Protein backbone atom coordinates (compact mmCIF):
# COMPACT_ATOMS: atom_id res chain seq x y z
CA MET A 1 0.00 0.00 0.00
CA THR A 2 1.38 3.41 -0.91
CA ARG A 3 1.35 6.29 1.51
CA ARG A 4 -0.16 9.60 0.49
CA PRO A 5 2.26 12.53 0.81
CA ARG A 6 1.49 15.28 3.30
CA ALA A 7 -0.27 18.40 2.01
CA ASP A 8 2.81 20.60 2.45
CA ALA A 9 4.93 18.11 0.50
CA ARG A 10 2.37 18.08 -2.31
CA SER A 11 2.36 21.87 -2.52
CA ALA A 12 6.16 21.91 -2.63
CA ARG A 13 6.09 19.29 -5.39
CA THR A 14 3.55 21.38 -7.29
CA ARG A 15 5.63 24.55 -6.98
CA LEU A 16 8.78 22.79 -8.15
CA ALA A 17 6.99 21.18 -11.09
CA ILE A 18 5.59 24.55 -12.17
CA ALA A 19 9.00 26.16 -11.78
CA SER A 20 10.51 23.53 -14.07
CA VAL A 21 7.93 24.33 -16.77
CA LEU A 22 8.05 28.14 -16.62
CA PRO A 23 11.03 28.64 -18.96
CA THR A 24 9.29 26.58 -21.62
CA LEU A 25 5.95 28.35 -21.15
CA ILE A 26 7.63 31.74 -21.57
CA THR A 27 8.47 30.75 -25.14
CA VAL A 28 4.82 30.18 -26.12
CA PRO A 29 4.10 33.88 -26.85
CA LEU A 30 7.37 34.08 -28.78
CA CYS A 31 6.40 31.03 -30.83
CA ALA A 32 2.96 32.53 -31.47
CA ALA A 33 4.54 35.77 -32.66
CA LEU A 34 6.90 33.90 -34.96
CA ALA A 35 4.00 31.82 -36.29
CA THR A 36 2.03 35.00 -36.96
CA ALA A 37 5.00 36.38 -38.90
CA GLY A 38 5.20 33.17 -40.90
CA ALA A 39 8.66 32.22 -39.65
CA LEU A 40 7.39 29.20 -37.72
CA PRO A 41 4.64 26.66 -38.47
CA TRP A 42 1.52 26.98 -36.33
CA ALA A 43 1.83 23.34 -35.24
CA VAL A 44 4.77 24.30 -33.03
CA VAL A 45 2.65 26.36 -30.61
CA PRO A 46 0.37 23.54 -29.39
CA ALA A 47 3.32 21.14 -29.43
CA VAL A 48 5.18 23.40 -26.98
CA VAL A 49 2.13 23.59 -24.73
CA VAL A 50 1.68 19.80 -24.73
CA ALA A 51 5.40 19.26 -24.11
CA SER A 52 5.23 21.67 -21.16
CA ALA A 53 2.28 19.80 -19.67
CA VAL A 54 4.07 16.47 -20.01
CA GLN A 55 7.26 17.93 -18.53
CA GLY A 56 5.34 19.31 -15.54
CA TRP A 57 3.59 16.00 -14.94
CA VAL A 58 6.84 14.03 -15.14
CA ALA A 59 8.55 16.47 -12.77
CA TYR A 60 5.65 16.22 -10.30
CA VAL A 61 5.71 12.43 -10.36
CA ARG A 62 9.50 12.20 -10.11
CA LEU A 63 9.61 14.59 -7.16
CA GLY A 64 7.23 12.29 -5.27
CA VAL A 65 9.12 9.03 -5.82
CA ARG A 66 11.19 9.47 -2.65
CA GLU A 67 8.10 10.09 -0.52
CA ILE A 68 6.31 6.99 -1.76
CA THR A 69 9.16 4.49 -1.71
CA GLY A 70 11.37 5.97 0.99
CA PRO A 71 15.13 6.21 0.86
CA ALA A 72 17.12 3.31 -0.51
CA PRO A 73 18.77 1.13 2.13
CA GLY A 74 22.33 1.48 0.82
CA GLY A 75 22.26 4.52 -1.41
CA SER A 76 20.68 7.84 -2.19
CA GLY A 77 18.31 6.73 -4.97
CA PRO A 78 14.79 5.37 -4.63
CA ARG A 79 14.21 1.68 -3.88
CA ARG A 80 13.52 -0.54 -6.83
């Protein structure tokens, strides 16, 4: 049975996941401007948004691995 992380740990995970996505999300208006000018295909804009969402989700999940599995007995990585 997996333990649910505490509320403060979840909010910290959320903040860190959002912080990891911010540099990518800042480029969305730039990509939209370049697409409007015709220098970039329009398909790039939604691709960047989807990639940011996936990156945020992966970061959120990876930040919680230690809380769910606990520290490894002989090392610093998660148990396998």
